[in-house]
């Protein structure tokens, strides 16, 4: 969420049922190609993981 806030990307946080994880939802006001949405997601993960080295894909 911090990365989204820093980039001024509105996002909603959803906790997983297990309580061990979470999902971040980003809603677009217009249609977006899936490839562009995936690129945005990858960019956000990369930015977040560069600041929080203890995170790994098994936690994300």
Protein backbone atom coordinates (compact mmCIF):
# COMPACT_ATOMS: atom_id res chain seq x y z
CA UNK A 1 0.00 0.00 0.00
CA UNK A 2 2.90 2.33 0.75
CA UNK A 3 4.20 2.04 -2.80
CA UNK A 4 0.75 2.76 -4.23
CA UNK A 5 0.35 5.77 -1.93
CA UNK A 6 3.79 7.11 -2.88
CA UNK A 7 2.89 6.84 -6.57
CA UNK A 8 -0.62 8.24 -5.96
CA UNK A 9 -2.27 5.04 -7.24
CA UNK A 10 -5.60 4.46 -5.48
CA UNK A 11 -5.73 0.90 -4.16
CA UNK A 12 -7.84 -1.21 -1.82
CA UNK A 13 -6.39 -3.77 0.62
CA UNK A 14 -8.06 -7.16 1.12
CA UNK A 15 -6.80 -9.49 3.86
CA UNK A 16 -6.70 -13.18 2.99
CA UNK A 17 -8.96 -15.53 4.92
CA UNK A 18 -5.95 -17.16 6.57
CA UNK A 19 -4.81 -13.78 7.87
CA UNK A 20 -1.29 -14.52 6.62
CA UNK A 21 -1.51 -12.58 3.39
CA UNK A 22 -3.26 -9.82 1.54
CA UNK A 23 -4.27 -8.71 -1.92
CA UNK A 24 -4.16 -5.19 -3.28
CA UNK A 25 -6.88 -4.26 -5.74
CA UNK A 26 -6.40 -1.49 -8.29
CA UNK A 27 -9.46 -0.42 -10.25
CA UNK A 28 -9.14 1.41 -13.55
CA UNK A 29 -11.64 4.02 -14.76
CA UNK A 30 -11.32 2.76 -18.36
CA UNK A 31 -10.42 -0.52 -20.05
CA UNK A 32 -6.74 -1.42 -19.77
CA UNK A 33 -4.91 -4.15 -21.65
CA UNK A 34 -4.13 -7.09 -19.38
CA UNK A 35 -0.46 -6.88 -20.43
CA UNK A 36 -0.28 -3.27 -19.20
CA UNK A 37 -2.00 -4.15 -15.91
CA UNK A 38 0.50 -7.00 -15.37
CA UNK A 39 3.40 -4.63 -16.11
CA UNK A 40 2.05 -2.20 -13.52
CA UNK A 41 1.72 -5.02 -10.99
CA UNK A 42 5.27 -6.20 -11.67
CA UNK A 43 6.58 -2.66 -11.32
CA UNK A 44 4.79 -2.18 -7.99
CA UNK A 45 6.15 -5.50 -6.67
CA UNK A 46 9.68 -4.63 -7.78
CA UNK A 47 9.50 -1.18 -6.14
CA UNK A 48 8.14 -2.66 -2.91
CA UNK A 49 10.67 -5.48 -2.75
CA UNK A 50 13.57 -3.07 -3.39
CA UNK A 51 12.68 -1.24 -0.17
CA UNK A 52 11.68 -4.30 1.86
CA UNK A 53 14.35 -6.93 1.18
CA UNK A 54 12.81 -9.38 3.65
CA UNK A 55 9.85 -9.83 1.29
CA UNK A 56 9.98 -12.63 -1.22
CA UNK A 57 7.54 -14.02 -3.73
CA UNK A 58 6.49 -16.71 -1.24
CA UNK A 59 5.19 -13.89 1.01
CA UNK A 60 3.59 -11.92 -1.79
